[in-house]
């Protein structure tokens, strides 16, 4: 649910901000979240690995969605 809420917020701003600006703001938020991690529970390397894995998953999902739209059209 949180992911979808964040996507909806980004969509509300897509008419005013270009994709690069949406990426920049989102990246800053991710940086903030990494900084807030408890280093006794999660190392910076593990935090970055989580980010990398989720970037890859987001890319896979976006490509699959685009392919599905192309096939349906």
N, C-alpha and C. Protein backbone atom coordinates (compact mmCIF):
# COMPACT_ATOMS: atom_id res chain seq x y z
N UNK A 1 0.82 -1.20 0.00
CA UNK A 1 0.00 0.00 0.00
C UNK A 1 0.87 1.26 0.00
N UNK A 2 1.95 1.23 0.77
CA UNK A 2 2.82 2.41 0.83
C UNK A 2 3.39 2.72 -0.54
N UNK A 3 3.86 1.68 -1.25
CA UNK A 3 4.43 1.90 -2.58
C UNK A 3 3.41 2.57 -3.49
N UNK A 4 2.19 2.08 -3.49
CA UNK A 4 1.16 2.65 -4.36
C UNK A 4 0.84 4.09 -3.96
N UNK A 5 0.82 4.37 -2.66
CA UNK A 5 0.60 5.75 -2.20
C UNK A 5 1.70 6.67 -2.72
N UNK A 6 2.95 6.21 -2.66
CA UNK A 6 4.06 7.02 -3.16
C UNK A 6 3.97 7.24 -4.66
N UNK A 7 3.60 6.20 -5.40
CA UNK A 7 3.40 6.33 -6.85
C UNK A 7 2.31 7.36 -7.13
N UNK A 8 1.23 7.31 -6.38
CA UNK A 8 0.14 8.27 -6.58
C UNK A 8 0.59 9.70 -6.32
N UNK A 9 1.41 9.91 -5.31
CA UNK A 9 1.94 11.25 -5.02
C UNK A 9 2.80 11.72 -6.19
N UNK A 10 3.67 10.85 -6.70
CA UNK A 10 4.51 11.23 -7.83
C UNK A 10 3.67 11.57 -9.05
N UNK A 11 2.62 10.80 -9.30
CA UNK A 11 1.74 11.07 -10.44
C UNK A 11 1.07 12.43 -10.32
N UNK A 12 0.73 12.82 -9.10
CA UNK A 12 0.09 14.14 -8.90
C UNK A 12 1.02 15.27 -9.31
N UNK A 13 2.33 15.02 -9.29
CA UNK A 13 3.30 16.07 -9.59
C UNK A 13 3.93 15.93 -10.98
N UNK A 14 3.53 14.92 -11.74
CA UNK A 14 4.18 14.69 -13.03
C UNK A 14 3.88 15.75 -14.09
N UNK A 15 2.85 16.52 -13.88
CA UNK A 15 2.54 17.60 -14.83
C UNK A 15 3.44 18.82 -14.61
N UNK A 16 3.98 18.95 -13.40
CA UNK A 16 4.80 20.11 -13.06
C UNK A 16 6.29 19.77 -13.09
N UNK A 17 6.62 18.56 -12.66
CA UNK A 17 8.02 18.14 -12.60
C UNK A 17 8.33 17.16 -13.73
N UNK A 18 9.52 17.31 -14.30
CA UNK A 18 9.92 16.37 -15.36
C UNK A 18 10.39 15.06 -14.70
N UNK A 19 10.50 14.00 -15.48
CA UNK A 19 10.94 12.71 -14.91
C UNK A 19 12.25 12.78 -14.14
N UNK A 20 13.19 13.59 -14.62
CA UNK A 20 14.47 13.72 -13.91
C UNK A 20 14.27 14.36 -12.54
N UNK A 21 13.37 15.32 -12.45
CA UNK A 21 13.09 15.96 -11.16
C UNK A 21 12.39 14.99 -10.21
N UNK A 22 11.46 14.19 -10.73
CA UNK A 22 10.81 13.18 -9.90
C UNK A 22 11.84 12.18 -9.37
N UNK A 23 12.77 11.78 -10.23
CA UNK A 23 13.84 10.88 -9.82
C UNK A 23 14.72 11.52 -8.75
N UNK A 24 15.06 12.78 -8.93
CA UNK A 24 15.92 13.47 -7.97
C UNK A 24 15.26 13.54 -6.59
N UNK A 25 14.01 13.92 -6.56
CA UNK A 25 13.29 14.02 -5.28
C UNK A 25 13.16 12.65 -4.63
N UNK A 26 12.82 11.65 -5.43
CA UNK A 26 12.69 10.28 -4.90
C UNK A 26 14.02 9.77 -4.36
N UNK A 27 15.09 10.10 -5.06
CA UNK A 27 16.43 9.67 -4.62
C UNK A 27 16.82 10.33 -3.30
N UNK A 28 16.45 11.60 -3.16
CA UNK A 28 16.72 12.28 -1.89
C UNK A 28 15.98 11.59 -0.75
N UNK A 29 14.74 11.21 -1.00
CA UNK A 29 13.96 10.51 0.03
C UNK A 29 14.62 9.19 0.40
N UNK A 30 15.08 8.44 -0.60
CA UNK A 30 15.77 7.18 -0.33
C UNK A 30 17.03 7.45 0.50
N UNK A 31 17.76 8.49 0.14
CA UNK A 31 18.95 8.86 0.92
C UNK A 31 18.60 9.17 2.37
N UNK A 32 17.50 9.88 2.58
CA UNK A 32 17.04 10.17 3.94
C UNK A 32 16.73 8.89 4.70
N UNK A 33 16.05 7.96 4.03
CA UNK A 33 15.68 6.70 4.67
C UNK A 33 16.91 5.86 5.01
N UNK A 34 17.90 5.88 4.14
CA UNK A 34 19.15 5.16 4.43
C UNK A 34 19.82 5.76 5.66
N UNK A 35 19.86 7.08 5.72
CA UNK A 35 20.50 7.76 6.85
C UNK A 35 19.79 7.46 8.17
N UNK A 36 18.50 7.17 8.12
CA UNK A 36 17.73 6.91 9.33
C UNK A 36 17.85 5.46 9.84
N UNK A 37 18.54 4.61 9.08
CA UNK A 37 18.67 3.22 9.51
C UNK A 37 19.54 3.12 10.75
N UNK A 38 19.21 2.19 11.60
CA UNK A 38 19.99 1.90 12.80
C UNK A 38 21.19 1.06 12.38
N UNK A 39 22.39 1.64 12.46
CA UNK A 39 23.59 0.94 11.99
C UNK A 39 23.95 -0.27 12.85
N UNK A 40 23.32 -0.41 14.01
CA UNK A 40 23.55 -1.62 14.79
C UNK A 40 22.70 -2.78 14.25
N UNK A 41 21.73 -2.46 13.42
CA UNK A 41 20.84 -3.48 12.84
C UNK A 41 21.05 -3.66 11.35
N UNK A 42 21.52 -2.60 10.69
CA UNK A 42 21.71 -2.67 9.24
C UNK A 42 22.94 -1.86 8.84
N UNK A 43 23.84 -2.52 8.16
CA UNK A 43 25.04 -1.83 7.68
C UNK A 43 24.70 -0.97 6.47
N UNK A 44 25.52 0.06 6.22
CA UNK A 44 25.30 0.85 5.01
C UNK A 44 25.34 -0.01 3.74
N UNK A 45 26.22 -1.01 3.71
CA UNK A 45 26.29 -1.89 2.54
C UNK A 45 24.99 -2.67 2.35
N UNK A 46 24.40 -3.16 3.44
CA UNK A 46 23.14 -3.88 3.33
C UNK A 46 22.03 -2.94 2.88
N UNK A 47 22.00 -1.74 3.40
CA UNK A 47 21.00 -0.76 2.97
C UNK A 47 21.11 -0.50 1.47
N UNK A 48 22.32 -0.35 0.98
CA UNK A 48 22.52 -0.11 -0.45
C UNK A 48 22.15 -1.34 -1.28
N UNK A 49 22.39 -2.52 -0.76
CA UNK A 49 22.00 -3.74 -1.46
C UNK A 49 20.47 -3.82 -1.59
N UNK A 50 19.77 -3.46 -0.53
CA UNK A 50 18.31 -3.43 -0.58
C UNK A 50 17.84 -2.44 -1.64
N UNK A 51 18.46 -1.27 -1.67
CA UNK A 51 18.10 -0.25 -2.66
C UNK A 51 18.35 -0.78 -4.08
N UNK A 52 19.52 -1.37 -4.30
CA UNK A 52 19.86 -1.89 -5.62
C UNK A 52 18.89 -2.97 -6.08
N UNK A 53 18.58 -3.90 -5.19
CA UNK A 53 17.65 -4.97 -5.54
C UNK A 53 16.27 -4.41 -5.92
N UNK A 54 15.85 -3.39 -5.20
CA UNK A 54 14.53 -2.82 -5.47
C UNK A 54 14.52 -1.94 -6.71
N UNK A 55 15.65 -1.32 -7.03
CA UNK A 55 15.75 -0.60 -8.30
C UNK A 55 15.61 -1.60 -9.45
N UNK A 56 16.30 -2.72 -9.34
CA UNK A 56 16.22 -3.75 -10.37
C UNK A 56 14.80 -4.29 -10.50
N UNK A 57 14.14 -4.52 -9.39
CA UNK A 57 12.75 -5.00 -9.42
C UNK A 57 11.84 -3.95 -10.05
N UNK A 58 12.03 -2.70 -9.71
CA UNK A 58 11.24 -1.63 -10.31
C UNK A 58 11.43 -1.56 -11.82
N UNK A 59 12.67 -1.73 -12.26
CA UNK A 59 12.94 -1.75 -13.71
C UNK A 59 12.24 -2.92 -14.38
N UNK A 60 12.32 -4.11 -13.78
CA UNK A 60 11.66 -5.29 -14.35
C UNK A 60 10.14 -5.06 -14.45
N UNK A 61 9.56 -4.53 -13.40
CA UNK A 61 8.12 -4.27 -13.38
C UNK A 61 7.73 -3.25 -14.45
N UNK A 62 8.50 -2.18 -14.57
CA UNK A 62 8.19 -1.15 -15.57
C UNK A 62 8.28 -1.71 -16.98
N UNK A 63 9.31 -2.50 -17.25
CA UNK A 63 9.46 -3.09 -18.58
C UNK A 63 8.31 -4.06 -18.86
N UNK A 64 7.94 -4.87 -17.88
CA UNK A 64 6.83 -5.81 -18.07
C UNK A 64 5.53 -5.06 -18.32
N UNK A 65 5.30 -3.97 -17.60
CA UNK A 65 4.09 -3.16 -17.81
C UNK A 65 4.05 -2.56 -19.22
N UNK A 66 5.21 -2.05 -19.67
CA UNK A 66 5.27 -1.49 -21.02
C UNK A 66 5.03 -2.55 -22.08
N UNK A 67 5.60 -3.73 -21.88
CA UNK A 67 5.39 -4.82 -22.83
C UNK A 67 3.93 -5.24 -22.86
N UNK A 68 3.29 -5.29 -21.70
CA UNK A 68 1.88 -5.67 -21.64
C UNK A 68 1.02 -4.65 -22.36
N UNK A 69 1.32 -3.37 -22.22
CA UNK A 69 0.56 -2.33 -22.90
C UNK A 69 0.75 -2.40 -24.41
N UNK A 70 1.99 -2.67 -24.82
CA UNK A 70 2.29 -2.78 -26.25
C UNK A 70 1.56 -3.97 -26.87
N UNK A 71 1.53 -5.08 -26.15
CA UNK A 71 0.86 -6.28 -26.65
C UNK A 71 -0.64 -6.07 -26.72
N UNK A 72 -1.20 -5.36 -25.73
CA UNK A 72 -2.65 -5.13 -25.68
C UNK A 72 -3.11 -4.13 -26.74
N UNK A 73 -2.21 -3.27 -27.18
CA UNK A 73 -2.61 -2.21 -28.12
C UNK A 73 -2.73 -2.70 -29.54
